[in-house]
Amino acid sequence: MKEFRTWLRHLLIGAALLASVIFSMSGCGKEDGKIAVVSKLHNGDAKFFQGRVWTGVEGNLTSFDLHGKDRRTYDIKVNWIACLDEKDLLVYGNSAGEVGMVHFDGDNNVTGNDVILSSRNLLIDPAIARSGEDFFLTVIEVTGNVNNDDPGKENGDYVLHFYSSKDLKKWDHVSDVLHERHNIEDVDIMAEDKAIICVYEKETVDKGRSAICLKKSEDKGRTWCEEKILLAADADQEPACFVKEDGGFCLYYSSDISSPGRSYMGAGAYRASFDRSFKRLGPGQIIPTGTKEGILLYDMAVIGGRRYFLYARNYLTDCDLVIEEEPGGSYEH
């Protein structure tokens, strides 16, 4: 009987520990090396904006604080997100062929939501930038196959449109940055005086090897230089953001280069540095994250003097949302 009681006690303790582990993995919480993990969120695109995380969950705009809590859901349909912090402005695209702009007050309440572009075709991956009184917007219009993943099928028609505005209401089409029979996605733009820098991913098939490319305009987007390859198509590489850093530029991206062919499920987070003429300065450097692989990097931001990363973990299966602070303390951008 004594042995039975001992066995039963150990069984109950084991069951309690197992329940504890399951509970800790089932919602928001901090893991070693991470600020927050929102388990199995199955979200879409995500960005840092106004010190919070913004994403799409079940097609609706959703926001969390940096600890994965204080969740707020808005009745706004989104699939792709871009942000302009200094104007309290979030730009979105959705599967209905709409590009819209949401304005917020200081308490993250919506003060305006305007659809500025619409099409019978799919409009994806909007990006926005500002230089002085000028605002610039890019969006990709897709006809035919979207994110084609079959080498035996014809790719869709991808056109990267460029617009400008003075008041965020009337948008004028200025030019088309490129027109391709490749999958074009994950666009980021940067504006400085009359110069516009546009960075994007180009791939033949979805989840296949992809290049990260750049085009630059010196005349506010009326004409564009020849395409420059920042990263060759050596792996499935997904750009997150392209920022000024250390007298040049830094590209933050995810790549399965250490696990070829595994795409998002084998990818790590990387950064690559470039000089002012976009010459690469050495190989890509792995970013030390608590997750070793299975990363789809969405964004990087410096908040309160600290650098944060936002990514999906195991995007094709669990699709956890992870918010992580870079180790090493404060960072001055």
C-alpha atoms as a PDB file:
ATOM      1  CA  MET A   1       0.000   0.000   0.000  1.00  0.00           C
ATOM      2  CA  LYS A   2       2.847   2.390   0.819  1.00  0.00           C
ATOM      3  CA  GLU A   3       4.403   1.758  -2.585  1.00  0.00           C
ATOM      4  CA  PHE A   4       1.027   2.403  -4.209  1.00  0.00           C
ATOM      5  CA  ARG A   5       0.641   5.754  -2.404  1.00  0.00           C
ATOM      6  CA  THR A   6       4.160   6.762  -3.426  1.00  0.00           C
ATOM      7  CA  TRP A   7       3.467   5.794  -7.023  1.00  0.00           C
ATOM      8  CA  LEU A   8       0.157   7.696  -6.974  1.00  0.00           C
ATOM      9  CA  ARG A   9       1.810  10.804  -5.504  1.00  0.00           C
ATOM     10  CA  HIS A  10       4.485  10.788  -8.208  1.00  0.00           C
ATOM     11  CA  LEU A  11       1.801  10.302 -10.853  1.00  0.00           C
ATOM     12  CA  LEU A  12      -0.176  13.307  -9.589  1.00  0.00           C
ATOM     13  CA  ILE A  13       2.935  15.485  -9.394  1.00  0.00           C
ATOM     14  CA  GLY A  14       3.833  14.513 -12.960  1.00  0.00           C
ATOM     15  CA  ALA A  15       0.329  15.293 -14.173  1.00  0.00           C
ATOM     16  CA  ALA A  16       0.439  18.699 -12.474  1.00  0.00           C
ATOM     17  CA  LEU A  17       3.778  19.525 -14.084  1.00  0.00           C
ATOM     18  CA  LEU A  18       2.495  18.463 -17.493  1.00  0.00           C
ATOM     19  CA  ALA A  19      -0.612  20.607 -17.080  1.00  0.00           C
ATOM     20  CA  SER A  20       1.598  23.518 -16.074  1.00  0.00           C
ATOM     21  CA  VAL A  21       3.691  23.181 -19.224  1.00  0.00           C
ATOM     22  CA  ILE A  22       0.633  22.925 -21.460  1.00  0.00           C
ATOM     23  CA  PHE A  23      -0.928  25.976 -19.834  1.00  0.00           C
ATOM     24  CA  SER A  24       2.235  28.039 -20.228  1.00  0.00           C
ATOM     25  CA  MET A  25       2.309  27.270 -23.960  1.00  0.00           C
ATOM     26  CA  SER A  26      -1.342  27.967 -24.659  1.00  0.00           C
ATOM     27  CA  GLY A  27      -1.486  31.773 -24.634  1.00  0.00           C
ATOM     28  CA  CYS A  28       0.514  34.929 -24.102  1.00  0.00           C
ATOM     29  CA  GLY A  29       3.611  34.624 -21.999  1.00  0.00           C
ATOM     30  CA  LYS A  30       7.319  35.233 -21.841  1.00  0.00           C
ATOM     31  CA  GLU A  31       9.822  32.618 -22.939  1.00  0.00           C
ATOM     32  CA  ASP A  32      13.553  32.701 -22.405  1.00  0.00           C
ATOM     33  CA  GLY A  33      15.029  35.373 -24.671  1.00  0.00           C
ATOM     34  CA  LYS A  34      11.607  36.684 -25.710  1.00  0.00           C
ATOM     35  CA  ILE A  35       9.428  39.523 -24.482  1.00  0.00           C
ATOM     36  CA  ALA A  36       6.191  37.791 -25.467  1.00  0.00           C
ATOM     37  CA  VAL A  37       4.841  34.828 -27.410  1.00  0.00           C
ATOM     38  CA  VAL A  38       1.224  34.730 -28.586  1.00  0.00           C
ATOM     39  CA  SER A  39       0.787  31.041 -29.344  1.00  0.00           C
ATOM     40  CA  LYS A  40      -0.976  29.799 -32.475  1.00  0.00           C
ATOM     41  CA  LEU A  41      -2.197  33.265 -33.450  1.00  0.00           C
ATOM     42  CA  HIS A  42      -2.124  32.352 -37.166  1.00  0.00           C
ATOM     43  CA  ASN A  43      -1.845  36.025 -38.027  1.00  0.00           C
ATOM     44  CA  GLY A  44      -0.883  37.629 -41.310  1.00  0.00           C
ATOM     45  CA  ASP A  45       1.483  40.539 -41.894  1.00  0.00           C
ATOM     46  CA  ALA A  46       2.637  42.380 -38.746  1.00  0.00           C
ATOM     47  CA  LYS A  47       4.393  45.659 -37.950  1.00  0.00           C
ATOM     48  CA  PHE A  48       5.512  47.778 -35.003  1.00  0.00           C
ATOM     49  CA  PHE A  49       3.547  51.034 -34.820  1.00  0.00           C
ATOM     50  CA  GLN A  50       3.352  53.624 -32.035  1.00  0.00           C
ATOM     51  CA  GLY A  51       5.065  51.297 -29.558  1.00  0.00           C
ATOM     52  CA  ARG A  52       2.629  48.442 -30.195  1.00  0.00           C
ATOM     53  CA  VAL A  53       2.270  45.458 -32.521  1.00  0.00           C
ATOM     54  CA  TRP A  54      -0.296  45.595 -35.328  1.00  0.00           C
ATOM     55  CA  THR A  55      -1.342  42.611 -37.403  1.00  0.00           C
ATOM     56  CA  GLY A  56      -4.262  40.882 -39.076  1.00  0.00           C
ATOM     57  CA  VAL A  57      -6.024  38.042 -37.262  1.00  0.00           C
ATOM     58  CA  GLU A  58      -8.790  36.247 -39.166  1.00  0.00           C
ATOM     59  CA  GLY A  59      -8.676  39.182 -41.590  1.00  0.00           C
ATOM     60  CA  ASN A  60      -9.314  41.856 -38.919  1.00  0.00           C
ATOM     61  CA  LEU A  61      -6.892  44.558 -37.795  1.00  0.00           C
ATOM     62  CA  THR A  62      -5.588  43.569 -34.348  1.00  0.00           C
ATOM     63  CA  SER A  63      -3.184  45.225 -31.925  1.00  0.00           C
ATOM     64  CA  PHE A  64      -1.144  44.094 -28.893  1.00  0.00           C
ATOM     65  CA  ASP A  65       1.209  45.830 -26.505  1.00  0.00           C
ATOM     66  CA  LEU A  66       4.866  44.743 -26.470  1.00  0.00           C
ATOM     67  CA  HIS A  67       4.060  42.061 -23.885  1.00  0.00           C
ATOM     68  CA  GLY A  68       1.479  40.420 -26.152  1.00  0.00           C
ATOM     69  CA  LYS A  69      -1.380  41.710 -24.006  1.00  0.00           C
ATOM     70  CA  ASP A  70      -4.020  44.462 -24.139  1.00  0.00           C
ATOM     71  CA  ARG A  71      -5.416  42.947 -27.324  1.00  0.00           C
ATOM     72  CA  ARG A  72      -7.656  45.224 -29.371  1.00  0.00           C
ATOM     73  CA  THR A  73      -9.551  44.191 -32.501  1.00  0.00           C
ATOM     74  CA  TYR A  74     -10.937  46.646 -35.069  1.00  0.00           C
ATOM     75  CA  ASP A  75     -13.627  46.081 -37.667  1.00  0.00           C
ATOM     76  CA  ILE A  76     -11.198  46.800 -40.498  1.00  0.00           C
ATOM     77  CA  LYS A  77     -10.298  44.110 -43.021  1.00  0.00           C
ATOM     78  CA  VAL A  78      -6.532  43.834 -43.509  1.00  0.00           C
ATOM     79  CA  ASN A  79      -4.036  41.384 -44.986  1.00  0.00           C
ATOM     80  CA  TRP A  80      -0.979  43.632 -45.445  1.00  0.00           C
ATOM     81  CA  ILE A  81       0.193  46.534 -43.271  1.00  0.00           C
ATOM     82  CA  ALA A  82       2.528  49.538 -43.493  1.00  0.00           C
ATOM     83  CA  CYS A  83       2.876  52.400 -41.017  1.00  0.00           C
ATOM     84  CA  LEU A  84       3.919  56.037 -40.772  1.00  0.00           C
ATOM     85  CA  ASP A  85       4.484  56.792 -37.101  1.00  0.00           C
ATOM     86  CA  GLU A  86       4.899  60.561 -37.355  1.00  0.00           C
ATOM     87  CA  LYS A  87       1.393  60.896 -38.830  1.00  0.00           C
ATOM     88  CA  ASP A  88      -0.335  58.288 -36.598  1.00  0.00           C
ATOM     89  CA  LEU A  89      -1.155  56.557 -39.874  1.00  0.00           C
ATOM     90  CA  LEU A  90      -1.531  52.888 -40.764  1.00  0.00           C
ATOM     91  CA  VAL A  91      -1.917  51.788 -44.403  1.00  0.00           C
ATOM     92  CA  TYR A  92      -3.441  48.431 -45.278  1.00  0.00           C
ATOM     93  CA  GLY A  93      -4.304  46.252 -48.221  1.00  0.00           C
ATOM     94  CA  ASN A  94      -6.916  43.518 -48.152  1.00  0.00           C
ATOM     95  CA  SER A  95      -8.144  40.605 -50.240  1.00  0.00           C
ATOM     96  CA  ALA A  96     -11.075  42.728 -51.514  1.00  0.00           C
ATOM     97  CA  GLY A  97      -8.669  44.736 -53.697  1.00  0.00           C
ATOM     98  CA  GLU A  98      -8.678  47.779 -51.401  1.00  0.00           C
ATOM     99  CA  VAL A  99      -5.890  49.969 -50.063  1.00  0.00           C
ATOM    100  CA  GLY A 100      -6.942  52.074 -47.102  1.00  0.00           C
ATOM    101  CA  MET A 101      -5.577  54.460 -44.513  1.00  0.00           C
ATOM    102  CA  VAL A 102      -6.464  54.427 -40.827  1.00  0.00           C
ATOM    103  CA  HIS A 103      -5.799  57.434 -38.598  1.00  0.00           C
ATOM    104  CA  PHE A 104      -5.561  57.086 -34.810  1.00  0.00           C
ATOM    105  CA  ASP A 105      -5.555  59.374 -31.811  1.00  0.00           C
ATOM    106  CA  GLY A 106      -3.068  59.051 -28.943  1.00  0.00           C
ATOM    107  CA  ASP A 107      -5.140  56.306 -27.316  1.00  0.00           C
ATOM    108  CA  ASN A 108      -5.206  54.076 -30.433  1.00  0.00           C
ATOM    109  CA  ASN A 109      -8.810  54.954 -31.211  1.00  0.00           C
ATOM    110  CA  VAL A 110      -9.680  55.178 -34.914  1.00  0.00           C
ATOM    111  CA  THR A 111     -10.363  58.739 -36.046  1.00  0.00           C
ATOM    112  CA  GLY A 112     -10.630  57.964 -39.748  1.00  0.00           C
ATOM    113  CA  ASN A 113     -10.612  55.050 -42.191  1.00  0.00           C
ATOM    114  CA  ASP A 114     -10.535  55.891 -45.894  1.00  0.00           C
ATOM    115  CA  VAL A 115     -10.206  53.561 -48.890  1.00  0.00           C
ATOM    116  CA  ILE A 116      -7.844  55.421 -51.228  1.00  0.00           C
ATOM    117  CA  LEU A 117      -7.376  52.801 -53.981  1.00  0.00           C
ATOM    118  CA  SER A 118      -9.482  49.905 -55.196  1.00  0.00           C
ATOM    119  CA  SER A 119      -9.290  47.419 -58.033  1.00  0.00           C
ATOM    120  CA  ARG A 120     -10.966  44.307 -59.396  1.00  0.00           C
ATOM    121  CA  ASN A 121      -7.458  42.817 -59.187  1.00  0.00           C
ATOM    122  CA  LEU A 122      -5.592  42.028 -55.997  1.00  0.00           C
ATOM    123  CA  LEU A 123      -3.644  44.928 -54.436  1.00  0.00           C
ATOM    124  CA  ILE A 124      -0.933  43.689 -52.066  1.00  0.00           C
ATOM    125  CA  ASP A 125       1.944  44.863 -49.874  1.00  0.00           C
ATOM    126  CA  PRO A 126       1.397  48.641 -49.697  1.00  0.00           C
ATOM    127  CA  ALA A 127       4.334  50.728 -48.439  1.00  0.00           C
ATOM    128  CA  ILE A 128       4.414  54.397 -47.457  1.00  0.00           C
ATOM    129  CA  ALA A 129       7.080  57.067 -46.896  1.00  0.00           C
ATOM    130  CA  ARG A 130       7.300  60.817 -46.394  1.00  0.00           C
ATOM    131  CA  SER A 131       9.762  63.532 -47.396  1.00  0.00           C
ATOM    132  CA  GLY A 132       8.870  67.052 -46.259  1.00  0.00           C
ATOM    133  CA  GLU A 133       5.353  67.832 -47.469  1.00  0.00           C
ATOM    134  CA  ASP A 134       5.296  64.940 -49.928  1.00  0.00           C
ATOM    135  CA  PHE A 135       3.885  61.489 -49.233  1.00  0.00           C
ATOM    136  CA  PHE A 136       4.717  58.466 -51.359  1.00  0.00           C
ATOM    137  CA  LEU A 137       2.897  55.149 -51.676  1.00  0.00           C
ATOM    138  CA  THR A 138       3.612  51.909 -53.497  1.00  0.00           C
ATOM    139  CA  VAL A 139       1.277  48.978 -54.029  1.00  0.00           C
ATOM    140  CA  ILE A 140       1.528  45.812 -56.132  1.00  0.00           C
ATOM    141  CA  GLU A 141      -1.350  44.964 -58.472  1.00  0.00           C
ATOM    142  CA  VAL A 142      -1.576  41.265 -59.363  1.00  0.00           C
ATOM    143  CA  THR A 143      -3.510  39.615 -62.170  1.00  0.00           C
ATOM    144  CA  GLY A 144      -3.451  35.890 -62.848  1.00  0.00           C
ATOM    145  CA  ASN A 145      -1.683  33.458 -60.513  1.00  0.00           C
ATOM    146  CA  VAL A 146      -0.909  34.927 -57.091  1.00  0.00           C
ATOM    147  CA  ASN A 147       2.085  33.527 -55.189  1.00  0.00           C
ATOM    148  CA  ASN A 148       2.499  30.782 -57.748  1.00  0.00           C
ATOM    149  CA  ASP A 149       4.238  27.793 -56.117  1.00  0.00           C
ATOM    150  CA  ASP A 150       4.352  25.492 -59.156  1.00  0.00           C
ATOM    151  CA  PRO A 151       7.330  25.770 -61.558  1.00  0.00           C
ATOM    152  CA  GLY A 152       5.139  24.236 -64.272  1.00  0.00           C
ATOM    153  CA  LYS A 153       2.580  27.051 -64.134  1.00  0.00           C
ATOM    154  CA  GLU A 154       2.768  30.563 -65.534  1.00  0.00           C
ATOM    155  CA  ASN A 155       3.365  33.319 -63.016  1.00  0.00           C
ATOM    156  CA  GLY A 156       0.852  36.080 -62.572  1.00  0.00           C
ATOM    157  CA  ASP A 157       1.362  39.629 -63.793  1.00  0.00           C
ATOM    158  CA  TYR A 158       2.834  41.847 -61.060  1.00  0.00           C
ATOM    159  CA  VAL A 159       2.960  45.650 -61.415  1.00  0.00           C
ATOM    160  CA  LEU A 160       4.485  47.814 -58.674  1.00  0.00           C
ATOM    161  CA  HIS A 161       2.670  51.170 -58.840  1.00  0.00           C
ATOM    162  CA  PHE A 162       4.054  54.401 -57.360  1.00  0.00           C
ATOM    163  CA  TYR A 163       1.833  57.269 -56.142  1.00  0.00           C
ATOM    164  CA  SER A 164       2.366  60.668 -54.528  1.00  0.00           C
ATOM    165  CA  SER A 165       0.175  62.992 -52.460  1.00  0.00           C
ATOM    166  CA  LYS A 166       0.332  66.292 -50.612  1.00  0.00           C
ATOM    167  CA  ASP A 167      -2.670  65.772 -48.343  1.00  0.00           C
ATOM    168  CA  LEU A 168      -3.040  61.954 -47.947  1.00  0.00           C
ATOM    169  CA  LYS A 169      -6.401  62.200 -49.706  1.00  0.00           C
ATOM    170  CA  LYS A 170      -5.738  62.767 -53.404  1.00  0.00           C
ATOM    171  CA  TRP A 171      -3.190  60.269 -54.747  1.00  0.00           C
ATOM    172  CA  ASP A 172      -1.638  60.738 -58.183  1.00  0.00           C
ATOM    173  CA  HIS A 173      -0.161  57.822 -60.118  1.00  0.00           C
ATOM    174  CA  VAL A 174       3.416  58.858 -60.935  1.00  0.00           C
ATOM    175  CA  SER A 175       4.975  55.756 -62.493  1.00  0.00           C
ATOM    176  CA  ASP A 176       5.322  52.004 -62.375  1.00  0.00           C
ATOM    177  CA  VAL A 177       8.505  50.905 -60.627  1.00  0.00           C
ATOM    178  CA  LEU A 178       8.490  47.525 -62.371  1.00  0.00           C
ATOM    179  CA  HIS A 179       6.279  45.123 -64.298  1.00  0.00           C
ATOM    180  CA  GLU A 180       7.232  41.465 -63.889  1.00  0.00           C
ATOM    181  CA  ARG A 181       6.151  37.873 -64.467  1.00  0.00           C
ATOM    182  CA  HIS A 182       7.719  37.010 -61.108  1.00  0.00           C
ATOM    183  CA  ASN A 183       6.238  36.926 -57.629  1.00  0.00           C
ATOM    184  CA  ILE A 184       6.997  40.424 -56.291  1.00  0.00           C
ATOM    185  CA  GLU A 185       6.278  41.102 -52.620  1.00  0.00           C
ATOM    186  CA  ASP A 186       7.437  42.488 -49.246  1.00  0.00           C
ATOM    187  CA  VAL A 187       8.051  46.023 -50.511  1.00  0.00           C
ATOM    188  CA  ASP A 188       9.673  48.707 -48.348  1.00  0.00           C
ATOM    189  CA  ILE A 189      10.288  52.297 -49.455  1.00  0.00           C
ATOM    190  CA  MET A 190      12.396  55.131 -48.103  1.00  0.00           C
ATOM    191  CA  ALA A 191      12.248  58.820 -49.108  1.00  0.00           C
ATOM    192  CA  GLU A 192      14.966  61.448 -48.740  1.00  0.00           C
ATOM    193  CA  ASP A 193      14.547  64.809 -50.522  1.00  0.00           C
ATOM    194  CA  LYS A 194      13.904  63.861 -54.161  1.00  0.00           C
ATOM    195  CA  ALA A 195      15.351  60.366 -53.817  1.00  0.00           C
ATOM    196  CA  ILE A 196      13.120  57.324 -53.365  1.00  0.00           C
ATOM    197  CA  ILE A 197      14.533  53.886 -52.519  1.00  0.00           C
ATOM    198  CA  CYS A 198      12.352  50.852 -53.163  1.00  0.00           C
ATOM    199  CA  VAL A 199      13.321  47.374 -51.875  1.00  0.00           C
ATOM    200  CA  TYR A 200      11.414  44.187 -52.717  1.00  0.00           C
ATOM    201  CA  GLU A 201      11.581  40.397 -52.983  1.00  0.00           C
ATOM    202  CA  LYS A 202      11.527  38.741 -56.410  1.00  0.00           C
ATOM    203  CA  GLU A 203      11.000  35.000 -56.809  1.00  0.00           C
ATOM    204  CA  THR A 204      10.022  32.588 -59.559  1.00  0.00           C
ATOM    205  CA  VAL A 205       7.849  30.363 -57.366  1.00  0.00           C
ATOM    206  CA  ASP A 206       6.486  30.874 -53.869  1.00  0.00           C
ATOM    207  CA  LYS A 207       8.748  29.479 -51.127  1.00  0.00           C
ATOM    208  CA  GLY A 208      11.480  28.958 -53.726  1.00  0.00           C
ATOM    209  CA  ARG A 209      14.774  30.779 -53.985  1.00  0.00           C
ATOM    210  CA  SER A 210      14.326  34.535 -54.126  1.00  0.00           C
ATOM    211  CA  ALA A 211      16.433  37.655 -54.594  1.00  0.00           C
ATOM    212  CA  ILE A 212      16.089  40.873 -52.646  1.00  0.00           C
ATOM    213  CA  CYS A 213      16.350  43.779 -55.057  1.00  0.00           C
ATOM    214  CA  LEU A 214      16.450  47.573 -55.037  1.00  0.00           C
ATOM    215  CA  LYS A 215      15.461  50.361 -57.388  1.00  0.00           C
ATOM    216  CA  LYS A 216      16.139  54.046 -56.819  1.00  0.00           C
ATOM    217  CA  SER A 217      14.611  57.215 -58.217  1.00  0.00           C
ATOM    218  CA  GLU A 218      16.319  60.624 -58.089  1.00  0.00           C
ATOM    219  CA  ASP A 219      13.262  62.585 -59.262  1.00  0.00           C
ATOM    220  CA  LYS A 220      10.477  61.697 -56.802  1.00  0.00           C
ATOM    221  CA  GLY A 221       9.524  58.507 -58.584  1.00  0.00           C
ATOM    222  CA  ARG A 222       9.124  59.725 -62.170  1.00  0.00           C
ATOM    223  CA  THR A 223      11.983  57.546 -63.430  1.00  0.00           C
ATOM    224  CA  TRP A 224      13.822  54.595 -61.879  1.00  0.00           C
ATOM    225  CA  CYS A 225      17.353  53.240 -62.125  1.00  0.00           C
ATOM    226  CA  GLU A 226      18.203  49.741 -63.253  1.00  0.00           C
ATOM    227  CA  GLU A 227      17.459  47.017 -60.729  1.00  0.00           C
ATOM    228  CA  LYS A 228      20.232  46.306 -58.240  1.00  0.00           C
ATOM    229  CA  ILE A 229      20.445  42.921 -56.512  1.00  0.00           C
ATOM    230  CA  LEU A 230      21.117  43.308 -52.787  1.00  0.00           C
ATOM    231  CA  LEU A 231      20.959  39.564 -52.063  1.00  0.00           C
ATOM    232  CA  ALA A 232      21.182  36.972 -54.822  1.00  0.00           C
ATOM    233  CA  ALA A 233      18.622  34.183 -55.091  1.00  0.00           C
ATOM    234  CA  ASP A 234      20.667  31.737 -53.002  1.00  0.00           C
ATOM    235  CA  ALA A 235      17.774  30.908 -50.653  1.00  0.00           C
ATOM    236  CA  ASP A 236      14.173  31.814 -49.854  1.00  0.00           C
ATOM    237  CA  GLN A 237      14.771  35.317 -48.493  1.00  0.00           C
ATOM    238  CA  GLU A 238      12.047  37.557 -47.070  1.00  0.00           C
ATOM    239  CA  PRO A 239      12.858  41.257 -46.507  1.00  0.00           C
ATOM    240  CA  ALA A 240      11.424  42.749 -43.323  1.00  0.00           C
ATOM    241  CA  CYS A 241      12.729  46.337 -43.475  1.00  0.00           C
ATOM    242  CA  PHE A 242      15.497  48.447 -45.013  1.00  0.00           C
ATOM    243  CA  VAL A 243      16.769  51.229 -42.732  1.00  0.00           C
ATOM    244  CA  LYS A 244      19.534  53.808 -42.444  1.00  0.00           C
ATOM    245  CA  GLU A 245      22.203  52.594 -40.065  1.00  0.00           C
ATOM    246  CA  ASP A 246      25.920  53.261 -39.331  1.00  0.00           C
ATOM    247  CA  GLY A 247      26.455  55.718 -42.187  1.00  0.00           C
ATOM    248  CA  GLY A 248      24.846  53.407 -44.730  1.00  0.00           C
ATOM    249  CA  PHE A 249      21.928  51.024 -44.808  1.00  0.00           C
ATOM    250  CA  CYS A 250      20.934  47.787 -43.122  1.00  0.00           C
ATOM    251  CA  LEU A 251      18.606  45.140 -44.509  1.00  0.00           C
ATOM    252  CA  TYR A 252      16.769  42.973 -41.974  1.00  0.00           C
ATOM    253  CA  TYR A 253      15.443  39.743 -43.455  1.00  0.00           C
ATOM    254  CA  SER A 254      14.755  36.050 -42.878  1.00  0.00           C
ATOM    255  CA  SER A 255      16.382  33.309 -44.938  1.00  0.00           C
ATOM    256  CA  ASP A 256      16.537  29.510 -45.114  1.00  0.00           C
ATOM    257  CA  ILE A 257      20.128  29.635 -46.420  1.00  0.00           C
ATOM    258  CA  SER A 258      21.277  27.307 -43.623  1.00  0.00           C
ATOM    259  CA  SER A 259      18.423  24.856 -44.373  1.00  0.00           C
ATOM    260  CA  PRO A 260      17.901  25.119 -48.148  1.00  0.00           C
ATOM    261  CA  GLY A 261      14.443  24.273 -49.405  1.00  0.00           C
ATOM    262  CA  ARG A 262      12.680  24.508 -46.032  1.00  0.00           C
ATOM    263  CA  SER A 263      11.501  28.065 -46.615  1.00  0.00           C
ATOM    264  CA  TYR A 264       9.826  29.662 -43.568  1.00  0.00           C
ATOM    265  CA  MET A 265      10.143  26.504 -41.479  1.00  0.00           C
ATOM    266  CA  GLY A 266      13.943  26.435 -41.752  1.00  0.00           C
ATOM    267  CA  ALA A 267      14.675  30.156 -41.811  1.00  0.00           C
ATOM    268  CA  GLY A 268      16.623  32.283 -39.355  1.00  0.00           C
ATOM    269  CA  ALA A 269      16.751  36.071 -38.908  1.00  0.00           C
ATOM    270  CA  TYR A 270      19.610  38.004 -40.541  1.00  0.00           C
ATOM    271  CA  ARG A 271      20.933  41.464 -41.216  1.00  0.00           C
ATOM    272  CA  ALA A 272      23.177  42.673 -44.033  1.00  0.00           C
ATOM    273  CA  SER A 273      24.973  46.025 -44.188  1.00  0.00           C
ATOM    274  CA  PHE A 274      25.443  48.246 -47.259  1.00  0.00           C
ATOM    275  CA  ASP A 275      27.276  51.497 -47.924  1.00  0.00           C
ATOM    276  CA  ARG A 276      25.604  54.611 -49.342  1.00  0.00           C
ATOM    277  CA  SER A 277      25.979  53.271 -52.887  1.00  0.00           C
ATOM    278  CA  PHE A 278      24.332  49.963 -51.832  1.00  0.00           C
ATOM    279  CA  LYS A 279      27.540  47.970 -51.999  1.00  0.00           C
ATOM    280  CA  ARG A 280      27.297  45.027 -49.630  1.00  0.00           C
ATOM    281  CA  LEU A 281      29.673  45.130 -46.669  1.00  0.00           C
ATOM    282  CA  GLY A 282      30.407  41.498 -45.884  1.00  0.00           C
ATOM    283  CA  PRO A 283      28.122  38.472 -45.566  1.00  0.00           C
ATOM    284  CA  GLY A 284      24.749  38.458 -43.863  1.00  0.00           C
ATOM    285  CA  GLN A 285      24.949  38.154 -40.092  1.00  0.00           C
ATOM    286  CA  ILE A 286      22.664  35.885 -38.119  1.00  0.00           C
ATOM    287  CA  ILE A 287      20.594  37.740 -35.519  1.00  0.00           C
ATOM    288  CA  PRO A 288      20.794  35.907 -32.172  1.00  0.00           C
ATOM    289  CA  THR A 289      17.166  35.101 -31.417  1.00  0.00           C
ATOM    290  CA  GLY A 290      15.619  32.737 -28.908  1.00  0.00           C
ATOM    291  CA  THR A 291      14.125  30.859 -31.862  1.00  0.00           C
ATOM    292  CA  LYS A 292      16.868  29.142 -33.858  1.00  0.00           C
ATOM    293  CA  GLU A 293      14.859  28.359 -37.001  1.00  0.00           C
ATOM    294  CA  GLY A 294      11.323  28.580 -38.295  1.00  0.00           C
ATOM    295  CA  ILE A 295      11.378  32.400 -38.417  1.00  0.00           C
ATOM    296  CA  LEU A 296       9.458  34.670 -40.766  1.00  0.00           C
ATOM    297  CA  LEU A 297      10.743  38.117 -39.797  1.00  0.00           C
ATOM    298  CA  TYR A 298       8.084  40.840 -40.074  1.00  0.00           C
ATOM    299  CA  ASP A 299       9.741  43.930 -38.658  1.00  0.00           C
ATOM    300  CA  MET A 300      12.479  45.563 -36.592  1.00  0.00           C
ATOM    301  CA  ALA A 301      12.029  48.747 -34.578  1.00  0.00           C
ATOM    302  CA  VAL A 302      13.949  50.811 -32.057  1.00  0.00           C
ATOM    303  CA  ILE A 303      11.566  51.648 -29.211  1.00  0.00           C
ATOM    304  CA  GLY A 304      12.704  53.537 -26.130  1.00  0.00           C
ATOM    305  CA  GLY A 305      16.349  53.106 -27.135  1.00  0.00           C
ATOM    306  CA  ARG A 306      16.028  49.328 -27.456  1.00  0.00           C
ATOM    307  CA  ARG A 307      15.850  47.238 -30.601  1.00  0.00           C
ATOM    308  CA  TYR A 308      12.962  44.797 -30.989  1.00  0.00           C
ATOM    309  CA  PHE A 309      12.198  42.071 -33.519  1.00  0.00           C
ATOM    310  CA  LEU A 310       8.768  40.857 -34.558  1.00  0.00           C
ATOM    311  CA  TYR A 311       8.372  37.495 -36.257  1.00  0.00           C
ATOM    312  CA  ALA A 312       6.210  34.447 -36.847  1.00  0.00           C
ATOM    313  CA  ARG A 313       7.510  31.157 -35.486  1.00  0.00           C
ATOM    314  CA  ASN A 314       6.765  28.055 -37.584  1.00  0.00           C
ATOM    315  CA  TYR A 315       4.540  30.084 -39.899  1.00  0.00           C
ATOM    316  CA  LEU A 316       3.202  27.100 -41.850  1.00  0.00           C
ATOM    317  CA  THR A 317       2.104  25.122 -38.761  1.00  0.00           C
ATOM    318  CA  ASP A 318       1.809  26.745 -35.307  1.00  0.00           C
ATOM    319  CA  CYS A 319       2.287  30.343 -36.515  1.00  0.00           C
ATOM    320  CA  ASP A 320       3.113  31.839 -33.112  1.00  0.00           C
ATOM    321  CA  LEU A 321       3.649  35.604 -32.946  1.00  0.00           C
ATOM    322  CA  VAL A 322       6.934  36.420 -31.181  1.00  0.00           C
ATOM    323  CA  ILE A 323       8.104  39.795 -29.863  1.00  0.00           C
ATOM    324  CA  GLU A 324      11.760  39.746 -28.881  1.00  0.00           C
ATOM    325  CA  GLU A 325      14.266  42.314 -27.632  1.00  0.00           C
ATOM    326  CA  GLU A 326      17.787  42.122 -28.987  1.00  0.00           C
ATOM    327  CA  PRO A 327      20.234  41.129 -26.230  1.00  0.00           C
ATOM    328  CA  GLY A 328      22.964  43.569 -25.295  1.00  0.00           C
ATOM    329  CA  GLY A 329      21.072  46.466 -23.777  1.00  0.00           C
ATOM    330  CA  SER A 330      20.244  49.870 -25.229  1.00  0.00           C
ATOM    331  CA  TYR A 331      20.791  50.942 -28.803  1.00  0.00           C
ATOM    332  CA  GLU A 332      20.940  54.453 -30.203  1.00  0.00           C
ATOM    333  CA  HIS A 333      19.511  54.611 -33.719  1.00  0.00           C
END
